[in-house]
């Protein structure tokens, strides 16, 4: 409650006190962290933006969570954080809350993702694939097709990207990653010409279940 009270004060001295407690806490006491995040979420964005590159990962995570609480597009600043947990938290927040103004930055992460070695990391891949699907522009389709051709990735995530291309012109009532309703507001770019140019490379880079799915896409 003290942390929330500091947020309502909103002064520079209050912000300094919150940041200092976050540094000292080091994410150990999650109840305290929650109160401090609530304090930050009551403060002006301009104050929070001063700390998005703070040397303490506990502070950066708290600022991220404050922006999540606000449903604010400044979450995009954390997609390239040096700390993996912070990057993943930003990906989850931007996708799961459908944060307007941050979807393109999330979609761009598709070219940076490494081979997911756990189910949790595959979920992050799914969220980034999802951002490209909902953007629905030519660049997003090109990113998805390049991703599908990556033979260093597991078939399961390549198939997920293929499914996004297959359902490109369909209107999904539910978001595949959250199971919740999501408005599909973007009119998607038509892909016939792009796919015609890409099919030879897609067939060459595919085998097994991925190849079967490419075949279905070609004859759709």
C-alpha atoms as a PDB file:
ATOM      1  CA  UNK A   1       0.000   0.000   0.000  1.00  0.00           C
ATOM      2  CA  UNK A   2       2.917   2.349   0.660  1.00  0.00           C
ATOM      3  CA  UNK A   3       4.173   1.736  -2.865  1.00  0.00           C
ATOM      4  CA  UNK A   4       0.755   2.535  -4.342  1.00  0.00           C
ATOM      5  CA  UNK A   5       0.656   5.687  -2.226  1.00  0.00           C
ATOM      6  CA  UNK A   6       4.031   6.775  -3.609  1.00  0.00           C
ATOM      7  CA  UNK A   7       2.677   6.348  -7.105  1.00  0.00           C
ATOM      8  CA  UNK A   8      -0.246   8.613  -6.372  1.00  0.00           C
ATOM      9  CA  UNK A   9       2.130  11.285  -5.103  1.00  0.00           C
ATOM     10  CA  UNK A  10       3.936  11.054  -8.444  1.00  0.00           C
ATOM     11  CA  UNK A  11       6.804  13.353  -7.502  1.00  0.00           C
ATOM     12  CA  UNK A  12      10.451  12.965  -8.527  1.00  0.00           C
ATOM     13  CA  UNK A  13      11.382  12.036  -4.953  1.00  0.00           C
ATOM     14  CA  UNK A  14       8.635   9.386  -4.897  1.00  0.00           C
ATOM     15  CA  UNK A  15       9.931   7.895  -8.151  1.00  0.00           C
ATOM     16  CA  UNK A  16      13.472   7.774  -6.799  1.00  0.00           C
ATOM     17  CA  UNK A  17      12.225   5.972  -3.689  1.00  0.00           C
ATOM     18  CA  UNK A  18      10.369   3.373  -5.777  1.00  0.00           C
ATOM     19  CA  UNK A  19      13.376   2.772  -8.041  1.00  0.00           C
ATOM     20  CA  UNK A  20      15.681   2.398  -5.054  1.00  0.00           C
ATOM     21  CA  UNK A  21      13.409  -0.195  -3.427  1.00  0.00           C
ATOM     22  CA  UNK A  22      13.237  -2.133  -6.681  1.00  0.00           C
ATOM     23  CA  UNK A  23      17.040  -2.184  -6.871  1.00  0.00           C
ATOM     24  CA  UNK A  24      17.295  -3.379  -3.284  1.00  0.00           C
ATOM     25  CA  UNK A  25      14.536  -5.975  -3.622  1.00  0.00           C
ATOM     26  CA  UNK A  26      16.082  -7.687  -6.688  1.00  0.00           C
ATOM     27  CA  UNK A  27      12.706  -9.314  -7.432  1.00  0.00           C
ATOM     28  CA  UNK A  28      12.926 -11.370  -4.240  1.00  0.00           C
ATOM     29  CA  UNK A  29       9.704 -10.200  -2.567  1.00  0.00           C
ATOM     30  CA  UNK A  30       7.033 -10.394  -5.273  1.00  0.00           C
ATOM     31  CA  UNK A  31       4.365  -8.803  -3.066  1.00  0.00           C
ATOM     32  CA  UNK A  32       6.592  -5.778  -2.598  1.00  0.00           C
ATOM     33  CA  UNK A  33       7.398  -5.770  -6.306  1.00  0.00           C
ATOM     34  CA  UNK A  34       3.673  -5.740  -7.116  1.00  0.00           C
ATOM     35  CA  UNK A  35       3.114  -2.700  -4.930  1.00  0.00           C
ATOM     36  CA  UNK A  36       6.054  -0.909  -6.520  1.00  0.00           C
ATOM     37  CA  UNK A  37       4.814  -1.752 -10.021  1.00  0.00           C
ATOM     38  CA  UNK A  38       1.428  -0.318  -9.097  1.00  0.00           C
ATOM     39  CA  UNK A  39       3.221   2.824  -7.960  1.00  0.00           C
ATOM     40  CA  UNK A  40       5.034   3.122 -11.287  1.00  0.00           C
ATOM     41  CA  UNK A  41       1.822   2.559 -13.244  1.00  0.00           C
ATOM     42  CA  UNK A  42       0.375   5.680 -11.622  1.00  0.00           C
ATOM     43  CA  UNK A  43       3.274   7.852 -12.796  1.00  0.00           C
ATOM     44  CA  UNK A  44       3.765   9.758 -16.028  1.00  0.00           C
ATOM     45  CA  UNK A  45       5.210   7.867 -19.004  1.00  0.00           C
ATOM     46  CA  UNK A  46       7.956  10.447 -19.381  1.00  0.00           C
ATOM     47  CA  UNK A  47       9.237   9.526 -15.916  1.00  0.00           C
ATOM     48  CA  UNK A  48       9.146   5.798 -16.638  1.00  0.00           C
ATOM     49  CA  UNK A  49      10.925   6.138 -19.982  1.00  0.00           C
ATOM     50  CA  UNK A  50      13.972   7.489 -18.182  1.00  0.00           C
ATOM     51  CA  UNK A  51      14.478   4.030 -16.670  1.00  0.00           C
ATOM     52  CA  UNK A  52      13.906   1.638 -19.588  1.00  0.00           C
ATOM     53  CA  UNK A  53      17.673   1.077 -19.821  1.00  0.00           C
ATOM     54  CA  UNK A  54      18.358   1.048 -16.086  1.00  0.00           C
ATOM     55  CA  UNK A  55      21.284  -1.184 -15.138  1.00  0.00           C
ATOM     56  CA  UNK A  56      19.057  -3.166 -12.770  1.00  0.00           C
ATOM     57  CA  UNK A  57      16.995  -5.824 -14.540  1.00  0.00           C
ATOM     58  CA  UNK A  58      14.550  -5.659 -11.612  1.00  0.00           C
ATOM     59  CA  UNK A  59      13.882  -1.998 -12.406  1.00  0.00           C
ATOM     60  CA  UNK A  60      13.506  -2.669 -16.132  1.00  0.00           C
ATOM     61  CA  UNK A  61      11.080  -5.505 -15.474  1.00  0.00           C
ATOM     62  CA  UNK A  62       9.034  -3.331 -13.110  1.00  0.00           C
ATOM     63  CA  UNK A  63       8.850  -0.506 -15.660  1.00  0.00           C
ATOM     64  CA  UNK A  64       7.780  -3.045 -18.283  1.00  0.00           C
ATOM     65  CA  UNK A  65       5.054  -4.387 -15.986  1.00  0.00           C
ATOM     66  CA  UNK A  66       3.889  -0.838 -15.317  1.00  0.00           C
ATOM     67  CA  UNK A  67       3.516  -0.248 -19.047  1.00  0.00           C
ATOM     68  CA  UNK A  68       1.668  -3.565 -19.287  1.00  0.00           C
ATOM     69  CA  UNK A  69      -0.703  -2.357 -16.586  1.00  0.00           C
ATOM     70  CA  UNK A  70      -1.256   0.796 -18.646  1.00  0.00           C
ATOM     71  CA  UNK A  71      -1.605  -1.252 -21.892  1.00  0.00           C
ATOM     72  CA  UNK A  72       0.930   1.147 -23.348  1.00  0.00           C
ATOM     73  CA  UNK A  73       2.856   0.785 -26.628  1.00  0.00           C
ATOM     74  CA  UNK A  74       6.100   1.710 -24.864  1.00  0.00           C
ATOM     75  CA  UNK A  75       6.321  -2.014 -24.140  1.00  0.00           C
ATOM     76  CA  UNK A  76       8.025  -2.240 -27.536  1.00  0.00           C
ATOM     77  CA  UNK A  77      11.197  -0.743 -26.059  1.00  0.00           C
ATOM     78  CA  UNK A  78      11.814  -3.978 -24.144  1.00  0.00           C
ATOM     79  CA  UNK A  79      11.716  -6.352 -27.128  1.00  0.00           C
ATOM     80  CA  UNK A  80      15.482  -5.996 -27.569  1.00  0.00           C
ATOM     81  CA  UNK A  81      16.431  -6.001 -23.898  1.00  0.00           C
ATOM     82  CA  UNK A  82      19.615  -7.857 -22.989  1.00  0.00           C
ATOM     83  CA  UNK A  83      17.662  -9.980 -20.492  1.00  0.00           C
ATOM     84  CA  UNK A  84      15.763 -12.862 -22.073  1.00  0.00           C
ATOM     85  CA  UNK A  85      13.013 -12.902 -19.432  1.00  0.00           C
ATOM     86  CA  UNK A  86      12.290  -9.223 -20.089  1.00  0.00           C
ATOM     87  CA  UNK A  87      12.137  -9.761 -23.862  1.00  0.00           C
ATOM     88  CA  UNK A  88       9.708 -12.636 -23.398  1.00  0.00           C
ATOM     89  CA  UNK A  89       7.546 -10.670 -20.987  1.00  0.00           C
ATOM     90  CA  UNK A  90       7.319  -7.863 -23.548  1.00  0.00           C
ATOM     91  CA  UNK A  91       6.395 -10.312 -26.315  1.00  0.00           C
ATOM     92  CA  UNK A  92       3.666 -11.841 -24.181  1.00  0.00           C
ATOM     93  CA  UNK A  93       2.226  -8.489 -23.136  1.00  0.00           C
ATOM     94  CA  UNK A  94       2.162  -6.990 -26.640  1.00  0.00           C
ATOM     95  CA  UNK A  95       0.546 -10.067 -28.173  1.00  0.00           C
ATOM     96  CA  UNK A  96      -1.789 -11.164 -25.407  1.00  0.00           C
ATOM     97  CA  UNK A  97      -3.176  -7.671 -24.827  1.00  0.00           C
ATOM     98  CA  UNK A  98      -3.137  -6.775 -28.543  1.00  0.00           C
ATOM     99  CA  UNK A  99      -1.227  -3.574 -27.814  1.00  0.00           C
ATOM    100  CA  UNK A 100      -1.812  -1.091 -30.623  1.00  0.00           C
ATOM    101  CA  UNK A 101       1.315   0.729 -31.736  1.00  0.00           C
ATOM    102  CA  UNK A 102       3.657  -2.142 -30.836  1.00  0.00           C
ATOM    103  CA  UNK A 103       2.545  -4.943 -33.167  1.00  0.00           C
ATOM    104  CA  UNK A 104       4.957  -4.078 -35.979  1.00  0.00           C
ATOM    105  CA  UNK A 105       7.931  -4.121 -33.611  1.00  0.00           C
ATOM    106  CA  UNK A 106       6.802  -7.507 -32.279  1.00  0.00           C
ATOM    107  CA  UNK A 107       6.314  -8.865 -35.797  1.00  0.00           C
ATOM    108  CA  UNK A 108       9.849  -7.767 -36.734  1.00  0.00           C
ATOM    109  CA  UNK A 109      11.233 -10.083 -34.061  1.00  0.00           C
ATOM    110  CA  UNK A 110      10.490 -13.058 -36.311  1.00  0.00           C
ATOM    111  CA  UNK A 111      13.787 -12.557 -38.148  1.00  0.00           C
ATOM    112  CA  UNK A 112      15.703 -12.570 -34.851  1.00  0.00           C
ATOM    113  CA  UNK A 113      14.295 -15.685 -33.179  1.00  0.00           C
ATOM    114  CA  UNK A 114      16.655 -18.582 -32.594  1.00  0.00           C
ATOM    115  CA  UNK A 115      15.775 -22.269 -32.521  1.00  0.00           C
ATOM    116  CA  UNK A 116      13.315 -22.774 -29.632  1.00  0.00           C
ATOM    117  CA  UNK A 117      14.667 -25.513 -27.373  1.00  0.00           C
ATOM    118  CA  UNK A 118      11.689 -25.652 -25.022  1.00  0.00           C
ATOM    119  CA  UNK A 119       7.902 -25.541 -25.225  1.00  0.00           C
ATOM    120  CA  UNK A 120       7.947 -22.155 -23.502  1.00  0.00           C
ATOM    121  CA  UNK A 121      10.198 -20.696 -26.203  1.00  0.00           C
ATOM    122  CA  UNK A 122       7.939 -22.168 -28.866  1.00  0.00           C
ATOM    123  CA  UNK A 123       5.090 -20.194 -27.323  1.00  0.00           C
ATOM    124  CA  UNK A 124       7.112 -17.028 -27.868  1.00  0.00           C
ATOM    125  CA  UNK A 125       7.568 -17.996 -31.516  1.00  0.00           C
ATOM    126  CA  UNK A 126       3.801 -18.498 -31.806  1.00  0.00           C
ATOM    127  CA  UNK A 127       3.169 -15.004 -30.446  1.00  0.00           C
ATOM    128  CA  UNK A 128       5.528 -13.408 -32.953  1.00  0.00           C
ATOM    129  CA  UNK A 129       4.005 -15.417 -35.806  1.00  0.00           C
ATOM    130  CA  UNK A 130       0.628 -14.214 -34.574  1.00  0.00           C
ATOM    131  CA  UNK A 131       1.700 -10.566 -34.745  1.00  0.00           C
ATOM    132  CA  UNK A 132       2.650 -11.021 -38.393  1.00  0.00           C
ATOM    133  CA  UNK A 133      -0.678 -12.680 -39.129  1.00  0.00           C
ATOM    134  CA  UNK A 134      -2.677  -9.834 -37.605  1.00  0.00           C
ATOM    135  CA  UNK A 135      -0.603  -7.124 -39.302  1.00  0.00           C
ATOM    136  CA  UNK A 136      -1.461  -8.757 -42.596  1.00  0.00           C
ATOM    137  CA  UNK A 137       0.832  -6.694 -44.829  1.00  0.00           C
ATOM    138  CA  UNK A 138       3.312  -7.790 -47.488  1.00  0.00           C
ATOM    139  CA  UNK A 139       6.350  -7.501 -45.209  1.00  0.00           C
ATOM    140  CA  UNK A 140       4.671  -9.720 -42.633  1.00  0.00           C
ATOM    141  CA  UNK A 141       3.925 -12.372 -45.248  1.00  0.00           C
ATOM    142  CA  UNK A 142       7.517 -12.210 -46.484  1.00  0.00           C
ATOM    143  CA  UNK A 143       8.811 -12.667 -42.934  1.00  0.00           C
ATOM    144  CA  UNK A 144       6.556 -15.670 -42.423  1.00  0.00           C
ATOM    145  CA  UNK A 145       7.666 -17.310 -45.676  1.00  0.00           C
ATOM    146  CA  UNK A 146      11.341 -16.776 -44.846  1.00  0.00           C
ATOM    147  CA  UNK A 147      10.705 -18.309 -41.431  1.00  0.00           C
ATOM    148  CA  UNK A 148       8.964 -21.320 -42.968  1.00  0.00           C
ATOM    149  CA  UNK A 149      12.036 -21.985 -45.135  1.00  0.00           C
ATOM    150  CA  UNK A 150      14.365 -22.104 -42.115  1.00  0.00           C
ATOM    151  CA  UNK A 151      15.481 -25.707 -41.794  1.00  0.00           C
ATOM    152  CA  UNK A 152      17.101 -25.057 -38.403  1.00  0.00           C
ATOM    153  CA  UNK A 153      13.653 -24.697 -36.805  1.00  0.00           C
ATOM    154  CA  UNK A 154      11.380 -27.504 -35.549  1.00  0.00           C
ATOM    155  CA  UNK A 155       8.596 -28.560 -37.889  1.00  0.00           C
ATOM    156  CA  UNK A 156       5.970 -27.572 -35.308  1.00  0.00           C
ATOM    157  CA  UNK A 157       6.745 -23.845 -35.427  1.00  0.00           C
ATOM    158  CA  UNK A 158       7.238 -23.835 -39.201  1.00  0.00           C
ATOM    159  CA  UNK A 159       3.815 -25.446 -39.492  1.00  0.00           C
ATOM    160  CA  UNK A 160       2.392 -22.737 -37.267  1.00  0.00           C
ATOM    161  CA  UNK A 161       3.729 -20.095 -39.647  1.00  0.00           C
ATOM    162  CA  UNK A 162       2.352 -22.049 -42.602  1.00  0.00           C
ATOM    163  CA  UNK A 163      -1.050 -22.148 -40.903  1.00  0.00           C
ATOM    164  CA  UNK A 164      -0.928 -18.350 -40.650  1.00  0.00           C
ATOM    165  CA  UNK A 165      -0.358 -18.109 -44.407  1.00  0.00           C
ATOM    166  CA  UNK A 166      -3.049 -20.705 -45.126  1.00  0.00           C
ATOM    167  CA  UNK A 167      -5.636 -18.766 -43.106  1.00  0.00           C
ATOM    168  CA  UNK A 168      -4.406 -15.354 -44.316  1.00  0.00           C
ATOM    169  CA  UNK A 169      -7.712 -14.318 -45.888  1.00  0.00           C
ATOM    170  CA  UNK A 170      -9.932 -15.850 -43.231  1.00  0.00           C
ATOM    171  CA  UNK A 171     -11.397 -13.880 -40.354  1.00  0.00           C
ATOM    172  CA  UNK A 172     -10.553 -15.600 -37.077  1.00  0.00           C
ATOM    173  CA  UNK A 173     -13.131 -15.107 -34.334  1.00  0.00           C
ATOM    174  CA  UNK A 174     -10.614 -16.120 -31.664  1.00  0.00           C
ATOM    175  CA  UNK A 175      -6.929 -15.366 -31.257  1.00  0.00           C
ATOM    176  CA  UNK A 176      -5.054 -18.644 -31.681  1.00  0.00           C
ATOM    177  CA  UNK A 177      -2.520 -17.783 -28.967  1.00  0.00           C
ATOM    178  CA  UNK A 178      -4.912 -16.635 -26.240  1.00  0.00           C
ATOM    179  CA  UNK A 179      -8.221 -18.279 -27.108  1.00  0.00           C
ATOM    180  CA  UNK A 180      -9.893 -14.887 -26.664  1.00  0.00           C
ATOM    181  CA  UNK A 181     -11.870 -12.777 -29.158  1.00  0.00           C
ATOM    182  CA  UNK A 182      -9.713 -10.335 -31.100  1.00  0.00           C
ATOM    183  CA  UNK A 183     -10.769  -7.896 -33.781  1.00  0.00           C
ATOM    184  CA  UNK A 184      -8.978  -8.492 -37.079  1.00  0.00           C
ATOM    185  CA  UNK A 185      -9.020  -4.897 -38.287  1.00  0.00           C
ATOM    186  CA  UNK A 186      -6.323  -4.957 -40.955  1.00  0.00           C
ATOM    187  CA  UNK A 187      -7.281  -5.713 -44.540  1.00  0.00           C
ATOM    188  CA  UNK A 188      -4.697  -8.287 -45.544  1.00  0.00           C
ATOM    189  CA  UNK A 189      -2.508  -7.990 -48.623  1.00  0.00           C
ATOM    190  CA  UNK A 190      -3.297 -10.514 -51.344  1.00  0.00           C
ATOM    191  CA  UNK A 191      -0.544 -13.113 -51.561  1.00  0.00           C
ATOM    192  CA  UNK A 192      -1.085 -14.872 -54.906  1.00  0.00           C
ATOM    193  CA  UNK A 193       1.874 -13.237 -56.682  1.00  0.00           C
ATOM    194  CA  UNK A 194       4.190 -13.574 -53.688  1.00  0.00           C
ATOM    195  CA  UNK A 195       3.349 -17.246 -53.192  1.00  0.00           C
ATOM    196  CA  UNK A 196       3.825 -17.999 -56.888  1.00  0.00           C
ATOM    197  CA  UNK A 197       7.335 -16.605 -56.635  1.00  0.00           C
ATOM    198  CA  UNK A 198       8.102 -18.448 -53.391  1.00  0.00           C
ATOM    199  CA  UNK A 199       6.683 -21.930 -53.966  1.00  0.00           C
ATOM    200  CA  UNK A 200       9.807 -23.386 -55.603  1.00  0.00           C
ATOM    201  CA  UNK A 201      11.968 -22.419 -52.622  1.00  0.00           C
ATOM    202  CA  UNK A 202       9.295 -23.551 -50.162  1.00  0.00           C
ATOM    203  CA  UNK A 203       9.163 -27.013 -51.730  1.00  0.00           C
ATOM    204  CA  UNK A 204      12.951 -27.208 -51.793  1.00  0.00           C
ATOM    205  CA  UNK A 205      13.244 -26.325 -48.093  1.00  0.00           C
ATOM    206  CA  UNK A 206      10.491 -28.658 -46.889  1.00  0.00           C
ATOM    207  CA  UNK A 207      10.019 -32.315 -46.090  1.00  0.00           C
ATOM    208  CA  UNK A 208       7.656 -34.522 -44.103  1.00  0.00           C
ATOM    209  CA  UNK A 209       4.709 -32.740 -42.504  1.00  0.00           C
ATOM    210  CA  UNK A 210       5.946 -29.321 -43.564  1.00  0.00           C
ATOM    211  CA  UNK A 211       6.118 -30.465 -47.207  1.00  0.00           C
ATOM    212  CA  UNK A 212       2.612 -31.912 -46.972  1.00  0.00           C
ATOM    213  CA  UNK A 213       1.345 -28.596 -45.645  1.00  0.00           C
ATOM    214  CA  UNK A 214       3.124 -26.656 -48.413  1.00  0.00           C
ATOM    215  CA  UNK A 215       1.419 -28.967 -50.918  1.00  0.00           C
ATOM    216  CA  UNK A 216      -1.979 -28.161 -49.410  1.00  0.00           C
ATOM    217  CA  UNK A 217      -1.172 -24.454 -49.604  1.00  0.00           C
ATOM    218  CA  UNK A 218      -0.157 -24.764 -53.269  1.00  0.00           C
ATOM    219  CA  UNK A 219      -3.390 -26.488 -54.229  1.00  0.00           C
ATOM    220  CA  UNK A 220      -5.666 -24.378 -52.051  1.00  0.00           C
END
